Protein backbone atom coordinates (compact mmCIF):
# COMPACT_ATOMS: atom_id res chain seq x y z
CA MET A 1 -41.22 -38.54 4.02
CA TYR A 2 -38.36 -38.65 1.52
CA VAL A 3 -39.95 -35.80 -0.38
CA ASN A 4 -39.96 -33.63 2.74
CA ILE A 5 -36.31 -34.39 3.44
CA LEU A 6 -35.42 -33.69 -0.18
CA LEU A 7 -37.32 -30.39 -0.09
CA ALA A 8 -35.56 -29.42 3.15
CA VAL A 9 -32.14 -30.19 1.65
CA VAL A 10 -32.95 -28.29 -1.56
CA SER A 11 -34.25 -25.28 0.36
CA LEU A 12 -31.18 -25.30 2.63
CA LEU A 13 -28.88 -25.44 -0.39
CA SER A 14 -30.85 -22.63 -2.02
CA ILE A 15 -30.48 -20.45 1.06
CA VAL A 16 -26.74 -21.17 1.18
CA PHE A 17 -26.46 -20.33 -2.52
CA ILE A 18 -28.36 -17.06 -2.08
CA VAL A 19 -26.18 -16.04 0.87
CA PHE A 20 -22.99 -16.82 -1.07
CA SER A 21 -24.30 -14.95 -4.11
CA PHE A 22 -25.06 -11.82 -2.10
CA GLN A 23 -21.68 -11.97 -0.38
CA ILE A 24 -19.94 -12.37 -3.73
CA ILE A 25 -21.86 -9.50 -5.30
CA PHE A 26 -21.24 -7.11 -2.39
CA LEU A 27 -17.58 -8.09 -2.08
CA GLY A 28 -17.15 -7.63 -5.84
CA ARG A 29 -18.56 -4.11 -5.56
CA SER A 30 -16.27 -3.40 -2.63
CA ILE A 31 -13.28 -4.55 -4.68
CA LYS A 32 -14.33 -2.28 -7.55
CA ARG A 33 -14.63 0.73 -5.19
CA ARG A 34 -11.20 0.01 -3.71
CA GLU A 35 -9.70 -0.25 -7.22
CA GLN A 36 -11.21 3.13 -8.13
CA LYS A 37 -9.77 4.63 -4.94
CA ILE A 38 -6.30 3.33 -5.82
CA ILE A 39 -6.59 4.72 -9.34
CA SER A 40 -7.60 8.16 -8.03
CA LEU A 41 -4.71 8.14 -5.52
CA TYR A 42 -2.36 7.19 -8.35
CA LYS A 43 -3.60 10.10 -10.47
CA GLU A 44 -3.20 12.52 -7.57
CA LYS A 45 0.36 11.31 -7.04
CA ILE A 46 1.11 11.70 -10.75
CA ASP A 47 -0.20 15.28 -10.65
CA LYS A 48 2.45 16.23 -8.06
CA ILE A 49 5.45 14.96 -10.06
CA PRO A 50 5.92 18.01 -12.35
CA ALA A 51 6.10 20.36 -9.36
CA PHE A 52 8.59 18.03 -7.68
CA ILE A 53 10.77 18.01 -10.81
CA GLU A 54 10.48 21.78 -11.28
CA ILE A 55 11.66 22.58 -7.76
CA MET A 56 14.43 20.00 -7.79
CA SER A 57 15.72 20.89 -11.27
CA LYS A 58 16.44 24.48 -10.16
CA LYS A 59 18.98 23.18 -7.66
CA THR A 60 20.49 20.43 -9.84
CA ALA A 61 23.22 20.88 -12.42
CA TYR A 62 22.46 17.56 -14.14
CA LYS A 63 19.10 17.75 -15.90
CA ASP A 64 19.50 14.24 -17.34
CA ILE A 65 18.47 12.59 -14.09
CA PHE A 66 14.89 13.72 -14.70
CA LEU A 67 14.49 12.22 -18.18
CA GLU A 68 13.15 8.85 -17.05
CA ILE A 69 10.61 10.19 -14.58
CA ILE A 70 9.45 12.79 -17.13
CA HIS A 71 8.93 9.98 -19.65
CA LEU A 72 7.04 7.88 -17.09
CA HIS A 73 4.90 10.88 -16.18
CA LYS A 74 3.99 11.39 -19.84
CA VAL A 75 3.09 7.71 -20.16
CA ALA A 76 0.93 7.94 -17.02
CA ILE A 77 -0.89 11.01 -18.33
CA ILE A 78 -1.47 9.63 -21.83
CA SER A 79 -2.36 6.05 -20.89
CA ASN A 80 -5.97 4.99 -20.66
CA ILE A 81 -6.49 3.55 -17.18
CA GLY A 82 -9.38 1.12 -17.17
CA SER A 83 -8.43 -1.09 -14.27
CA ILE A 84 -5.94 -1.39 -11.47
CA TYR A 85 -3.76 -3.72 -13.50
CA ASP A 86 -3.08 -0.95 -16.04
CA ILE A 87 -1.19 1.15 -13.49
CA LEU A 88 0.82 -1.46 -11.58
CA GLU A 89 3.91 -1.57 -13.80
CA ASN A 90 4.10 2.17 -14.36
CA ASN A 91 3.54 2.89 -10.66
CA SER A 92 6.43 0.65 -9.61
CA ARG A 93 8.74 2.28 -12.17
CA ILE A 94 7.72 5.77 -11.01
CA HIS A 95 8.31 4.71 -7.42
CA ARG A 96 11.84 3.50 -8.24
CA GLU A 97 12.66 6.77 -10.01
CA PHE A 98 11.20 8.77 -7.15
CA LEU A 99 13.38 6.86 -4.66
CA PHE A 100 16.43 7.59 -6.83
CA LEU A 101 15.60 11.31 -6.87
CA MET A 102 15.07 11.20 -3.11
CA LYS A 103 18.59 9.81 -2.68
CA VAL A 104 19.93 12.60 -4.89
CA SER A 105 17.97 15.24 -2.98
CA ALA A 106 19.28 13.94 0.35
CA ARG A 107 22.74 15.16 -0.68
CA MET A 108 21.52 18.69 -1.42
CA ARG A 109 21.30 20.66 1.80
CA ASP A 110 19.65 23.77 0.38
CA LEU A 111 16.94 21.66 -1.25
CA ASN A 112 16.03 20.02 2.05
CA THR A 113 15.32 23.43 3.57
CA ASN A 114 13.00 24.47 0.74
CA GLY A 115 9.46 24.43 2.12
CA ASN A 116 7.80 23.83 -1.25
CA PHE A 117 10.05 20.86 -1.97
CA LEU A 118 9.39 19.31 1.44
CA TYR A 119 5.65 19.86 1.08
CA ILE A 120 5.43 18.19 -2.34
CA ARG A 121 7.82 15.40 -1.32
CA ASN A 122 5.67 14.61 1.71
CA PHE A 123 2.54 14.61 -0.45
CA ILE A 124 4.06 12.09 -2.86
CA ILE A 125 5.26 9.91 0.02
CA PHE A 126 1.79 10.08 1.60
CA TYR A 127 0.13 8.98 -1.66
CA GLU A 128 2.66 6.18 -2.11
CA ASN A 129 2.07 4.86 1.42
CA THR A 130 -1.70 5.10 1.02
CA ILE A 131 -1.57 3.23 -2.29
CA SER A 132 0.52 0.48 -0.67
CA LYS A 133 -1.99 0.09 2.18
CA GLU A 134 -4.93 0.04 -0.21
CA MET A 135 -3.20 -2.63 -2.30
CA LEU A 136 -2.85 -4.83 0.79
CA PHE A 137 -6.55 -4.40 1.58
CA LEU A 138 -7.43 -5.07 -2.05
CA ASN A 139 -5.43 -8.30 -2.08
CA SER A 140 -7.13 -9.54 1.09
CA ASP A 141 -10.56 -8.70 -0.39
CA ILE A 142 -9.66 -10.55 -3.59
CA GLU A 143 -8.58 -13.61 -1.59
CA ARG A 144 -11.89 -13.60 0.33
CA TYR A 145 -13.80 -13.16 -2.94
CA ASN A 146 -12.04 -16.11 -4.57
CA ARG A 147 -12.60 -18.31 -1.49
CA LEU A 148 -16.31 -17.49 -1.64
CA LEU A 149 -16.33 -18.49 -5.30
CA GLN A 150 -14.80 -21.85 -4.42
CA LYS A 151 -17.39 -22.43 -1.69
CA LYS A 152 -20.20 -21.41 -4.05
CA ASP A 153 -19.09 -24.08 -6.50
CA LEU A 154 -19.72 -26.75 -3.86
CA THR A 155 -23.46 -26.26 -4.29
CA ILE A 156 -25.18 -27.83 -7.28
CA VAL A 157 -26.94 -24.63 -8.29
CA GLY A 158 -23.68 -22.71 -7.83
CA LEU A 159 -22.09 -24.67 -10.64
CA PHE A 160 -24.54 -23.15 -13.11
CA VAL A 161 -24.08 -19.51 -12.09
CA PHE A 162 -20.77 -17.96 -13.07
CA PHE A 163 -18.85 -15.20 -11.38
CA LYS A 164 -15.53 -13.95 -12.67
CA LYS A 165 -12.51 -14.99 -10.61
CA ARG A 166 -10.17 -12.09 -9.78
CA MET A 167 -6.39 -11.95 -9.86
CA ARG A 168 -4.33 -10.63 -6.98
CA THR A 169 -2.25 -7.52 -7.52
CA SER A 170 1.47 -7.61 -7.03
CA SER A 171 2.55 -4.50 -5.22
């Protein structure tokens, strides 16, 4: 009798462990795909910066305002991006410089009627907004993933199988 109860408990715990393991594996893959999507969006945004600078520099007397974003663009091109955490700092700095240039461009009337400038500006803004949304989704997936890891550790078998805990991104 006790053996049957023990077997039932062990089999129930095994099923729970298997379900948690599959959820963790699939959620981990989903997180990896979302990270790759953010990295590709970041690279597409970076590719538009030289055209933005080229169009804006023709209408600007002060070429020094572009030095920082040119430097950040070079760093973004040269750097080896292996994970999402490699781009976070550089992306926030590029975003700040882009906002500064947007404030400067708002004061230039002839620049705001240039179709090429408006097209590229809207592309960069689109990529920035999409990256922000994807970061929010990524953070919620990471929270769910870490909660599943905590629940998995409640099972005896789960204590012997290790999954890597993930850090949230700060956007």
